[in-house]
C-alpha atoms as a PDB file:
ATOM      1  CA  MET A   1     -62.602 -82.376 -75.172  1.00  0.00           C
ATOM      2  CA  ARG A   2     -66.069 -81.799 -76.144  1.00  0.00           C
ATOM      3  CA  ASP A   3     -65.430 -78.132 -76.825  1.00  0.00           C
ATOM      4  CA  LEU A   4     -62.557 -78.990 -79.083  1.00  0.00           C
ATOM      5  CA  THR A   5     -64.639 -81.220 -81.359  1.00  0.00           C
ATOM      6  CA  LEU A   6     -67.342 -78.620 -81.666  1.00  0.00           C
ATOM      7  CA  ALA A   7     -64.809 -76.056 -82.725  1.00  0.00           C
ATOM      8  CA  ILE A   8     -63.399 -78.312 -85.444  1.00  0.00           C
ATOM      9  CA  ASN A   9     -66.807 -79.020 -86.982  1.00  0.00           C
ATOM     10  CA  GLN A  10     -67.561 -75.321 -87.217  1.00  0.00           C
ATOM     11  CA  ALA A  11     -64.200 -74.568 -88.866  1.00  0.00           C
ATOM     12  CA  VAL A  12     -64.913 -76.770 -91.944  1.00  0.00           C
ATOM     13  CA  PRO A  13     -65.830 -74.478 -94.862  1.00  0.00           C
ATOM     14  CA  ARG A  14     -69.267 -74.867 -96.258  1.00  0.00           C
ATOM     15  CA  LYS A  15     -69.877 -75.531 -99.944  1.00  0.00           C
ATOM     16  CA  ARG A  16     -70.569 -72.284-101.709  1.00  0.00           C
ATOM     17  CA  GLN A  17     -73.949 -72.231-103.361  1.00  0.00           C
ATOM     18  CA  SER A  18     -73.921 -71.075-106.981  1.00  0.00           C
ATOM     19  CA  ASN A  19     -76.020 -68.226-108.138  1.00  0.00           C
ATOM     20  CA  PRO A  20     -78.666 -69.332-110.711  1.00  0.00           C
ATOM     21  CA  ALA A  21     -78.071 -66.173-112.768  1.00  0.00           C
ATOM     22  CA  ASN A  22     -74.330 -66.949-112.967  1.00  0.00           C
ATOM     23  CA  THR A  23     -75.021 -70.497-114.109  1.00  0.00           C
ATOM     24  CA  LEU A  24     -77.430 -69.260-116.751  1.00  0.00           C
ATOM     25  CA  ARG A  25     -74.825 -66.806-118.072  1.00  0.00           C
ATOM     26  CA  TRP A  26     -72.187 -69.536-118.308  1.00  0.00           C
ATOM     27  CA  ASN A  27     -74.576 -71.892-120.060  1.00  0.00           C
ATOM     28  CA  LEU A  28     -75.548 -69.195-122.571  1.00  0.00           C
ATOM     29  CA  ALA A  29     -71.897 -68.341-123.205  1.00  0.00           C
ATOM     30  CA  ILE A  30     -71.029 -71.988-123.831  1.00  0.00           C
ATOM     31  CA  ILE A  31     -74.014 -72.481-126.156  1.00  0.00           C
ATOM     32  CA  CYS A  32     -73.203 -69.302-128.098  1.00  0.00           C
ATOM     33  CA  SER A  33     -69.566 -70.297-128.481  1.00  0.00           C
ATOM     34  CA  ILE A  34     -70.559 -73.780-129.714  1.00  0.00           C
ATOM     35  CA  LEU A  35     -72.980 -72.261-132.232  1.00  0.00           C
ATOM     36  CA  GLY A  36     -70.366 -69.721-133.364  1.00  0.00           C
ATOM     37  CA  LEU A  37     -67.715 -72.376-133.858  1.00  0.00           C
ATOM     38  CA  GLY A  38     -70.234 -74.523-135.730  1.00  0.00           C
ATOM     39  CA  LEU A  39     -71.009 -71.655-138.110  1.00  0.00           C
ATOM     40  CA  VAL A  40     -67.317 -70.972-138.679  1.00  0.00           C
ATOM     41  CA  TYR A  41     -66.812 -74.670-139.425  1.00  0.00           C
ATOM     42  CA  LEU A  42     -69.673 -74.685-141.949  1.00  0.00           C
ATOM     43  CA  PHE A  43     -68.328 -71.589-143.719  1.00  0.00           C
ATOM     44  CA  GLN A  44     -64.865 -73.120-143.927  1.00  0.00           C
ATOM     45  CA  ILE A  45     -66.188 -76.392-145.356  1.00  0.00           C
ATOM     46  CA  ASN A  46     -68.250 -74.458-147.900  1.00  0.00           C
ATOM     47  CA  ALA A  47     -65.224 -72.388-148.922  1.00  0.00           C
ATOM     48  CA  LEU A  48     -63.104 -75.541-149.319  1.00  0.00           C
ATOM     49  CA  GLY A  49     -65.760 -77.170-151.479  1.00  0.00           C
ATOM     50  CA  THR A  50     -65.963 -74.107-153.694  1.00  0.00           C
ATOM     51  CA  ARG A  51     -62.181 -73.989-154.048  1.00  0.00           C
ATOM     52  CA  GLY A  52     -62.113 -77.677-154.974  1.00  0.00           C
ATOM     53  CA  TYR A  53     -64.701 -77.068-157.697  1.00  0.00           C
ATOM     54  CA  GLN A  54     -62.678 -74.134-159.051  1.00  0.00           C
ATOM     55  CA  ILE A  55     -59.481 -76.197-159.013  1.00  0.00           C
ATOM     56  CA  SER A  56     -61.110 -79.033-160.964  1.00  0.00           C
ATOM     57  CA  ASN A  57     -62.399 -76.554-163.558  1.00  0.00           C
ATOM     58  CA  LEU A  58     -58.944 -75.021-163.899  1.00  0.00           C
ATOM     59  CA  GLU A  59     -57.367 -78.471-164.299  1.00  0.00           C
ATOM     60  CA  LYS A  60     -59.818 -79.255-167.119  1.00  0.00           C
ATOM     61  CA  GLN A  61     -58.946 -75.953-168.761  1.00  0.00           C
ATOM     62  CA  ILE A  62     -55.215 -76.718-168.442  1.00  0.00           C
ATOM     63  CA  LYS A  63     -55.663 -80.106-170.141  1.00  0.00           C
ATOM     64  CA  LYS A  64     -57.630 -78.482-172.957  1.00  0.00           C
ATOM     65  CA  LEU A  65     -54.980 -75.790-173.470  1.00  0.00           C
ATOM     66  CA  GLU A  66     -52.169 -78.367-173.406  1.00  0.00           C
ATOM     67  CA  SER A  67     -53.842 -80.403-176.146  1.00  0.00           C
ATOM     68  CA  GLU A  68     -54.398 -77.226-178.166  1.00  0.00           C
ATOM     69  CA  GLN A  69     -50.737 -76.302-177.690  1.00  0.00           C
ATOM     70  CA  LYS A  70     -49.624 -79.711-178.984  1.00  0.00           C
ATOM     71  CA  LEU A  71     -51.833 -79.293-182.042  1.00  0.00           C
ATOM     72  CA  LEU A  72     -50.388 -75.834-182.720  1.00  0.00           C
ATOM     73  CA  GLN A  73     -46.833 -77.142-182.342  1.00  0.00           C
ATOM     74  CA  VAL A  74     -47.541 -79.850-184.926  1.00  0.00           C
ATOM     75  CA  GLN A  75     -48.989 -77.265-187.299  1.00  0.00           C
ATOM     76  CA  ALA A  76     -45.976 -74.974-186.778  1.00  0.00           C
ATOM     77  CA  SER A  77     -43.518 -77.800-187.477  1.00  0.00           C
ATOM     78  CA  GLU A  78     -45.419 -78.689-190.667  1.00  0.00           C
ATOM     79  CA  LEU A  79     -45.274 -75.072-191.829  1.00  0.00           C
ATOM     80  CA  LYS A  80     -41.534 -74.837-191.053  1.00  0.00           C
ATOM     81  CA  SER A  81     -40.595 -77.967-193.004  1.00  0.00           C
ATOM     82  CA  ILE A  82     -38.205 -77.529-195.942  1.00  0.00           C
ATOM     83  CA  THR A  83     -40.475 -79.280-198.421  1.00  0.00           C
ATOM     84  CA  ARG A  84     -43.366 -76.954-197.536  1.00  0.00           C
ATOM     85  CA  ILE A  85     -41.150 -73.884-197.911  1.00  0.00           C
ATOM     86  CA  GLN A  86     -39.876 -75.105-201.292  1.00  0.00           C
ATOM     87  CA  GLN A  87     -43.415 -75.767-202.492  1.00  0.00           C
ATOM     88  CA  GLU A  88     -44.524 -72.279-201.436  1.00  0.00           C
ATOM     89  CA  ALA A  89     -41.515 -70.749-203.168  1.00  0.00           C
ATOM     90  CA  ALA A  90     -42.341 -72.634-206.377  1.00  0.00           C
ATOM     91  CA  ASN A  91     -46.008 -71.618-206.155  1.00  0.00           C
ATOM     92  CA  ARG A  92     -45.046 -67.954-205.838  1.00  0.00           C
ATOM     93  CA  SER A  93     -42.541 -68.138-208.709  1.00  0.00           C
ATOM     94  CA  PHE A  94     -39.489 -67.361-206.640  1.00  0.00           C
ATOM     95  CA  VAL A  95     -36.136 -67.635-208.388  1.00  0.00           C
ATOM     96  CA  PRO A  96     -33.217 -69.342-206.607  1.00  0.00           C
ATOM     97  CA  VAL A  97     -30.243 -67.128-205.869  1.00  0.00           C
ATOM     98  CA  ALA A  98     -27.169 -67.895-207.968  1.00  0.00           C
ATOM     99  CA  GLY A  99     -24.426 -65.765-206.478  1.00  0.00           C
ATOM    100  CA  VAL A 100     -24.313 -64.077-203.091  1.00  0.00           C
ATOM    101  CA  ASN A 101     -22.068 -61.103-202.326  1.00  0.00           C
ATOM    102  CA  TYR A 102     -21.347 -60.555-198.640  1.00  0.00           C
ATOM    103  CA  ILE A 103     -20.262 -57.177-197.225  1.00  0.00           C
ATOM    104  CA  LYS A 104     -16.987 -57.273-195.338  1.00  0.00           C
ATOM    105  CA  ASP A 105     -16.204 -55.280-192.222  1.00  0.00           C
ATOM    106  CA  GLY A 106     -13.600 -53.172-194.027  1.00  0.00           C
ATOM    107  CA  ASP A 107     -16.114 -51.930-196.609  1.00  0.00           C
ATOM    108  CA  PHE A 108     -17.836 -49.590-194.169  1.00  0.00           C
ATOM    109  CA  ALA A 109     -16.860 -45.906-193.862  1.00  0.00           C
ATOM    110  CA  LEU A 110     -17.615 -45.731-190.146  1.00  0.00           C
ATOM    111  CA  LYS A 111     -16.648 -48.242-187.525  1.00  0.00           C
END
């Protein structure tokens, strides 16, 4: 029996010792990947901040243009009003038309 127990103890695998150079390489790889991901994160945050600033500037510009458009629409409606047109016609000495002759389709030589 004694021989059997000695054989079993020798059959148990020993813990493999790690190589210090391998551990150093893994540690450096992990540190480099953490630093790389950190830099990518910072660049992304910076890009998002810049885009947000551009968007806010564009929104301000849109509001300004919308107010300008409303002002121009009011001016256009004032210029198109009948009373304004009649006043301009009177200022320029236009004469109202008395009789209008319309051309009929049958009056043309070519159809």
